[in-house]
């Protein structure tokens, strides 16, 4: 492989990894898609290993690059909100506990007692 191609491949892989690690996280994690992509990325690694073992080391090496990209994408999709930054979204605060309502329901429950199912 020519040195220029190696340099381009290295730069592309580096950009993918930097984007996955340092880029803004997605609005919400997509764990199912991330898991599917992780399986696909590992499958590409296995194919690359099989190709390299059969005597085509150059092709096997080239197949590793898409595997890295797929796994970087899977890692990015699995990321959640980093350190509470919110990803640019405002999250509404939870309302305070209504203790009067809680006391009313607790008093009602103590008068009626727990419901015990009747065995058939």
N, C-alpha and C. Protein backbone atom coordinates (compact mmCIF):
# COMPACT_ATOMS: atom_id res chain seq x y z
N UNK A 1 0.86 -1.17 0.00
CA UNK A 1 0.00 0.00 0.00
C UNK A 1 0.90 1.23 0.00
N UNK A 2 0.63 2.19 -0.87
CA UNK A 2 1.46 3.40 -0.91
C UNK A 2 1.34 4.20 0.39
N UNK A 3 2.39 4.95 0.66
CA UNK A 3 2.40 5.74 1.89
C UNK A 3 1.27 6.76 1.93
N UNK A 4 0.92 7.34 0.80
CA UNK A 4 -0.17 8.33 0.77
C UNK A 4 -1.50 7.68 1.16
N UNK A 5 -1.73 6.46 0.69
CA UNK A 5 -2.97 5.76 1.03
C UNK A 5 -3.00 5.43 2.52
N UNK A 6 -1.86 5.04 3.06
CA UNK A 6 -1.79 4.76 4.50
C UNK A 6 -2.09 6.02 5.31
N UNK A 7 -1.56 7.14 4.85
CA UNK A 7 -1.78 8.40 5.54
C UNK A 7 -3.25 8.80 5.51
N UNK A 8 -3.88 8.64 4.35
CA UNK A 8 -5.31 8.97 4.22
C UNK A 8 -6.14 8.06 5.10
N UNK A 9 -5.84 6.77 5.09
CA UNK A 9 -6.57 5.81 5.91
C UNK A 9 -6.40 6.11 7.39
N UNK A 10 -5.19 6.44 7.80
CA UNK A 10 -4.93 6.78 9.20
C UNK A 10 -5.69 8.04 9.60
N UNK A 11 -5.70 9.04 8.74
CA UNK A 11 -6.43 10.28 9.04
C UNK A 11 -7.93 10.02 9.14
N UNK A 12 -8.47 9.20 8.24
CA UNK A 12 -9.91 8.90 8.28
C UNK A 12 -10.28 8.14 9.55
N UNK A 13 -9.46 7.15 9.91
CA UNK A 13 -9.74 6.40 11.14
C UNK A 13 -9.62 7.30 12.36
N UNK A 14 -8.61 8.15 12.37
CA UNK A 14 -8.45 9.08 13.49
C UNK A 14 -9.63 10.03 13.61
N UNK A 15 -10.11 10.53 12.48
CA UNK A 15 -11.27 11.44 12.51
C UNK A 15 -12.51 10.72 13.05
N UNK A 16 -12.71 9.47 12.63
CA UNK A 16 -13.86 8.70 13.13
C UNK A 16 -13.78 8.51 14.64
N UNK A 17 -12.59 8.16 15.11
CA UNK A 17 -12.44 7.92 16.55
C UNK A 17 -12.59 9.20 17.36
N UNK A 18 -12.02 10.30 16.87
CA UNK A 18 -12.15 11.58 17.58
C UNK A 18 -13.61 12.00 17.63
N UNK A 19 -14.33 11.84 16.53
CA UNK A 19 -15.76 12.21 16.49
C UNK A 19 -16.56 11.36 17.46
N UNK A 20 -16.26 10.07 17.54
CA UNK A 20 -17.00 9.18 18.42
C UNK A 20 -16.72 9.47 19.89
N UNK A 21 -15.48 9.86 20.19
CA UNK A 21 -15.10 10.05 21.59
C UNK A 21 -15.34 11.48 22.05
N UNK A 22 -14.93 12.46 21.26
CA UNK A 22 -14.98 13.85 21.70
C UNK A 22 -16.18 14.62 21.17
N UNK A 23 -16.88 14.07 20.20
CA UNK A 23 -18.02 14.78 19.63
C UNK A 23 -19.21 14.80 20.57
N UNK A 24 -20.16 15.64 20.25
CA UNK A 24 -21.38 15.72 21.06
C UNK A 24 -22.14 14.40 20.98
N UNK A 25 -22.71 13.96 22.09
CA UNK A 25 -23.46 12.70 22.06
C UNK A 25 -24.76 12.87 21.30
N UNK A 26 -25.36 11.77 20.87
CA UNK A 26 -26.67 11.88 20.21
C UNK A 26 -27.71 12.36 21.21
N UNK A 27 -28.86 12.81 20.69
CA UNK A 27 -29.92 13.31 21.57
C UNK A 27 -30.31 12.28 22.62
N UNK A 28 -30.41 11.04 22.21
CA UNK A 28 -30.68 9.97 23.17
C UNK A 28 -29.95 8.72 22.69
N UNK A 29 -29.51 7.87 23.61
CA UNK A 29 -28.79 6.67 23.20
C UNK A 29 -29.68 5.74 22.37
N UNK A 30 -29.10 5.11 21.41
CA UNK A 30 -29.81 4.12 20.60
C UNK A 30 -29.10 2.78 20.81
N UNK A 31 -29.41 2.16 21.93
CA UNK A 31 -28.68 0.97 22.35
C UNK A 31 -28.91 -0.23 21.42
N UNK A 32 -30.12 -0.39 20.90
CA UNK A 32 -30.38 -1.50 19.99
C UNK A 32 -29.58 -1.39 18.71
N UNK A 33 -29.58 -0.21 18.13
CA UNK A 33 -28.80 0.03 16.92
C UNK A 33 -27.31 -0.11 17.21
N UNK A 34 -26.89 0.39 18.36
CA UNK A 34 -25.47 0.30 18.74
C UNK A 34 -25.05 -1.16 18.89
N UNK A 35 -25.91 -1.98 19.49
CA UNK A 35 -25.58 -3.40 19.66
C UNK A 35 -25.47 -4.10 18.31
N UNK A 36 -26.40 -3.79 17.41
CA UNK A 36 -26.35 -4.39 16.07
C UNK A 36 -25.08 -3.98 15.33
N UNK A 37 -24.72 -2.70 15.44
CA UNK A 37 -23.50 -2.23 14.79
C UNK A 37 -22.25 -2.85 15.42
N UNK A 38 -22.27 -3.04 16.74
CA UNK A 38 -21.12 -3.67 17.40
C UNK A 38 -20.94 -5.10 16.90
N UNK A 39 -22.04 -5.81 16.74
CA UNK A 39 -21.96 -7.18 16.20
C UNK A 39 -21.43 -7.14 14.77
N UNK A 40 -21.92 -6.18 13.99
CA UNK A 40 -21.44 -6.06 12.60
C UNK A 40 -19.95 -5.72 12.57
N UNK A 41 -19.51 -4.81 13.42
CA UNK A 41 -18.10 -4.44 13.46
C UNK A 41 -17.21 -5.61 13.85
N UNK A 42 -17.65 -6.38 14.85
CA UNK A 42 -16.87 -7.56 15.25
C UNK A 42 -16.86 -8.61 14.13
N UNK A 43 -17.98 -8.71 13.42
CA UNK A 43 -18.03 -9.65 12.28
C UNK A 43 -17.04 -9.24 11.20
N UNK A 44 -16.94 -7.95 10.95
CA UNK A 44 -15.96 -7.47 9.96
C UNK A 44 -14.54 -7.80 10.42
N UNK A 45 -14.28 -7.67 11.73
CA UNK A 45 -12.96 -8.05 12.25
C UNK A 45 -12.68 -9.53 12.00
N UNK A 46 -13.68 -10.37 12.24
CA UNK A 46 -13.50 -11.82 12.05
C UNK A 46 -13.23 -12.13 10.58
N UNK A 47 -13.97 -11.48 9.69
CA UNK A 47 -13.74 -11.68 8.25
C UNK A 47 -12.34 -11.20 7.88
N UNK A 48 -11.92 -10.06 8.42
CA UNK A 48 -10.58 -9.55 8.13
C UNK A 48 -9.51 -10.52 8.60
N UNK A 49 -9.72 -11.11 9.78
CA UNK A 49 -8.77 -12.09 10.29
C UNK A 49 -8.73 -13.32 9.40
N UNK A 50 -9.90 -13.80 8.98
CA UNK A 50 -9.95 -14.98 8.12
C UNK A 50 -9.26 -14.71 6.79
N UNK A 51 -9.49 -13.53 6.23
CA UNK A 51 -8.84 -13.18 4.95
C UNK A 51 -7.33 -13.09 5.14
N UNK A 52 -6.89 -12.49 6.24
CA UNK A 52 -5.45 -12.34 6.49
C UNK A 52 -4.78 -13.70 6.70
N UNK A 53 -5.46 -14.60 7.40
CA UNK A 53 -4.89 -15.92 7.68
C UNK A 53 -4.76 -16.75 6.40
N UNK A 54 -5.67 -16.53 5.45
CA UNK A 54 -5.61 -17.31 4.20
C UNK A 54 -4.56 -16.80 3.24
N UNK A 55 -3.77 -15.82 3.64
CA UNK A 55 -2.66 -15.39 2.81
C UNK A 55 -2.85 -14.06 2.12
N UNK A 56 -3.92 -13.35 2.41
CA UNK A 56 -4.17 -12.05 1.80
C UNK A 56 -4.10 -10.97 2.88
N UNK A 57 -2.92 -10.80 3.44
CA UNK A 57 -2.75 -9.89 4.57
C UNK A 57 -3.11 -8.46 4.22
N UNK A 58 -2.80 -8.02 3.02
CA UNK A 58 -3.11 -6.64 2.62
C UNK A 58 -4.61 -6.39 2.60
N UNK A 59 -5.35 -7.33 2.03
CA UNK A 59 -6.82 -7.18 1.98
C UNK A 59 -7.39 -7.26 3.39
N UNK A 60 -6.86 -8.17 4.20
CA UNK A 60 -7.32 -8.28 5.58
C UNK A 60 -7.10 -7.00 6.36
N UNK A 61 -5.95 -6.37 6.12
CA UNK A 61 -5.66 -5.10 6.78
C UNK A 61 -6.64 -4.02 6.35
N UNK A 62 -6.96 -3.99 5.07
CA UNK A 62 -7.93 -3.00 4.58
C UNK A 62 -9.33 -3.24 5.16
N UNK A 63 -9.66 -4.49 5.45
CA UNK A 63 -10.98 -4.79 6.01
C UNK A 63 -11.10 -4.37 7.48
N UNK A 64 -9.98 -4.17 8.14
CA UNK A 64 -10.04 -3.74 9.54
C UNK A 64 -10.58 -2.31 9.64
N UNK A 65 -10.27 -1.47 8.68
CA UNK A 65 -10.68 -0.06 8.72
C UNK A 65 -12.20 0.10 8.82
N UNK A 66 -13.00 -0.57 7.99
CA UNK A 66 -14.45 -0.43 8.17
C UNK A 66 -14.92 -0.94 9.53
N UNK A 67 -14.26 -1.97 10.03
CA UNK A 67 -14.62 -2.48 11.36
C UNK A 67 -14.41 -1.43 12.43
N UNK A 68 -13.30 -0.71 12.34
CA UNK A 68 -13.04 0.37 13.30
C UNK A 68 -14.11 1.45 13.19
N UNK A 69 -14.45 1.83 11.96
CA UNK A 69 -15.48 2.85 11.76
C UNK A 69 -16.84 2.42 12.29
N UNK A 70 -17.20 1.17 12.03
CA UNK A 70 -18.50 0.66 12.50
C UNK A 70 -18.53 0.62 14.02
N UNK A 71 -17.45 0.16 14.64
CA UNK A 71 -17.42 0.11 16.10
C UNK A 71 -17.39 1.50 16.72
N UNK A 72 -16.74 2.45 16.06
CA UNK A 72 -16.75 3.83 16.56
C UNK A 72 -18.17 4.40 16.49
N UNK A 73 -18.88 4.12 15.41
CA UNK A 73 -20.27 4.57 15.29
C UNK A 73 -21.14 3.91 16.35
N UNK A 74 -20.92 2.63 16.60
CA UNK A 74 -21.68 1.93 17.64
C UNK A 74 -21.43 2.55 19.01
N UNK A 75 -20.19 2.87 19.30
CA UNK A 75 -19.87 3.51 20.58
C UNK A 75 -20.51 4.87 20.71
N UNK A 76 -20.52 5.63 19.62
CA UNK A 76 -21.13 6.96 19.65
C UNK A 76 -22.64 6.85 19.86
N UNK A 77 -23.29 5.91 19.16
CA UNK A 77 -24.74 5.76 19.31
C UNK A 77 -25.13 5.29 20.71
N UNK A 78 -24.25 4.55 21.36
CA UNK A 78 -24.56 4.04 22.70
C UNK A 78 -24.36 5.09 23.78
N UNK A 79 -23.64 6.17 23.45
CA UNK A 79 -23.38 7.20 24.46
C UNK A 79 -24.65 7.88 24.88
N UNK A 80 -24.73 8.14 26.14
CA UNK A 80 -25.84 8.92 26.65
C UNK A 80 -25.39 10.34 26.89
N UNK A 81 -26.13 11.03 27.68
CA UNK A 81 -25.82 12.41 28.01
C UNK A 81 -24.57 12.42 28.89
N UNK A 82 -23.51 13.07 28.42
CA UNK A 82 -22.26 13.12 29.17
C UNK A 82 -22.32 14.17 30.26
N UNK A 83 -22.13 13.74 31.49
CA UNK A 83 -21.97 14.64 32.64
C UNK A 83 -23.09 15.65 32.77
N UNK A 84 -24.29 15.26 32.40
CA UNK A 84 -25.44 16.14 32.61
C UNK A 84 -25.48 17.37 31.74
N UNK A 85 -24.76 17.37 30.63
CA UNK A 85 -24.75 18.55 29.78
C UNK A 85 -26.07 18.74 29.04
N UNK A 86 -26.87 17.69 28.91
CA UNK A 86 -28.17 17.82 28.30
C UNK A 86 -28.18 17.79 26.80
N UNK A 87 -27.04 17.82 26.15
CA UNK A 87 -27.00 17.79 24.70
C UNK A 87 -27.74 18.95 24.08
N UNK A 88 -27.83 20.08 24.80
CA UNK A 88 -28.52 21.24 24.26
C UNK A 88 -30.01 21.27 24.56
N UNK A 89 -30.52 20.26 25.25
CA UNK A 89 -31.95 20.21 25.54
C UNK A 89 -32.20 20.64 26.98
N UNK A 90 -33.29 21.34 27.18
CA UNK A 90 -33.71 21.70 28.53
C UNK A 90 -34.54 20.56 29.10
N UNK A 91 -34.22 20.15 30.29
CA UNK A 91 -34.97 19.09 30.96
C UNK A 91 -35.78 19.74 32.07
N UNK A 92 -37.09 19.52 32.03
CA UNK A 92 -37.96 20.12 33.04
C UNK A 92 -37.69 19.49 34.40
N UNK A 93 -37.59 20.30 35.44
CA UNK A 93 -37.37 19.72 36.77
C UNK A 93 -38.62 18.97 37.24
N UNK A 94 -38.38 17.98 38.08
CA UNK A 94 -39.51 17.23 38.62
C UNK A 94 -40.28 18.11 39.60
N UNK A 95 -41.61 17.96 39.60
CA UNK A 95 -42.39 18.76 40.55
C UNK A 95 -42.12 18.28 41.98
N UNK A 96 -42.30 19.16 42.95
CA UNK A 96 -42.06 18.75 44.33
C UNK A 96 -43.10 17.71 44.77
N UNK A 97 -42.76 16.98 45.80
CA UNK A 97 -43.67 15.96 46.32
C UNK A 97 -44.85 16.64 47.00
N UNK A 98 -46.04 16.18 46.67
CA UNK A 98 -47.26 16.70 47.29
C UNK A 98 -47.52 15.89 48.56
N UNK A 99 -46.97 16.39 49.68
CA UNK A 99 -47.07 15.65 50.93
C UNK A 99 -48.49 15.59 51.46
N UNK A 100 -49.31 16.59 51.19
CA UNK A 100 -50.71 16.54 51.63
C UNK A 100 -51.45 15.39 50.94
N UNK A 101 -51.23 15.24 49.66
CA UNK A 101 -51.84 14.13 48.91
C UNK A 101 -51.33 12.80 49.43
N UNK A 102 -50.03 12.73 49.72
CA UNK A 102 -49.45 11.50 50.26
C UNK A 102 -50.10 11.14 51.59
N UNK A 103 -50.23 12.12 52.50
CA UNK A 103 -50.86 11.85 53.80
C UNK A 103 -52.31 11.42 53.64
N UNK A 104 -53.04 12.05 52.72
CA UNK A 104 -54.43 11.68 52.50
C UNK A 104 -54.53 10.23 52.02
N UNK A 105 -53.70 9.85 51.08
CA UNK A 105 -53.74 8.47 50.57
C UNK A 105 -53.30 7.47 51.63
N UNK A 106 -52.31 7.83 52.44
CA UNK A 106 -51.87 6.93 53.50
C UNK A 106 -52.95 6.73 54.54
N UNK A 107 -53.66 7.81 54.93
CA UNK A 107 -54.76 7.69 55.89
C UNK A 107 -55.88 6.83 55.33
N UNK A 108 -56.19 7.02 54.06
CA UNK A 108 -57.24 6.22 53.43
C UNK A 108 -56.86 4.74 53.42
N UNK A 109 -55.60 4.45 53.14
CA UNK A 109 -55.16 3.06 53.11
C UNK A 109 -55.22 2.44 54.50
N UNK A 110 -54.87 3.22 55.54
CA UNK A 110 -54.91 2.66 56.89
C UNK A 110 -56.34 2.37 57.34
N UNK A 111 -57.32 3.12 56.82
CA UNK A 111 -58.72 2.84 57.17
C UNK A 111 -59.26 1.62 56.43
N UNK A 112 -58.88 1.47 55.18
CA UNK A 112 -59.43 0.37 54.40
C UNK A 112 -58.59 -0.90 54.54
N UNK A 113 -57.34 -0.77 54.91
CA UNK A 113 -56.47 -1.93 55.06
C UNK A 113 -56.00 -2.45 53.71
N UNK A 114 -55.02 -3.32 53.74
CA UNK A 114 -54.52 -3.88 52.48
C UNK A 114 -55.53 -4.85 51.89
N UNK A 115 -55.53 -4.94 50.59
CA UNK A 115 -56.42 -5.88 49.92
C UNK A 115 -55.72 -7.24 49.86
N UNK A 116 -56.40 -8.23 50.40
CA UNK A 116 -55.85 -9.58 50.42
C UNK A 116 -56.66 -10.41 49.44
N UNK A 117 -56.02 -11.02 48.46
CA UNK A 117 -56.78 -11.83 47.52
C UNK A 117 -57.34 -13.08 48.19
N UNK A 118 -58.54 -13.45 47.78
CA UNK A 118 -59.18 -14.65 48.32
C UNK A 118 -58.74 -15.82 47.45
N UNK A 119 -58.23 -16.86 48.12
CA UNK A 119 -57.79 -18.04 47.38
C UNK A 119 -58.99 -18.77 46.82
N UNK A 120 -58.88 -19.24 45.62
CA UNK A 120 -60.01 -19.93 44.97
C UNK A 120 -60.04 -21.39 45.32
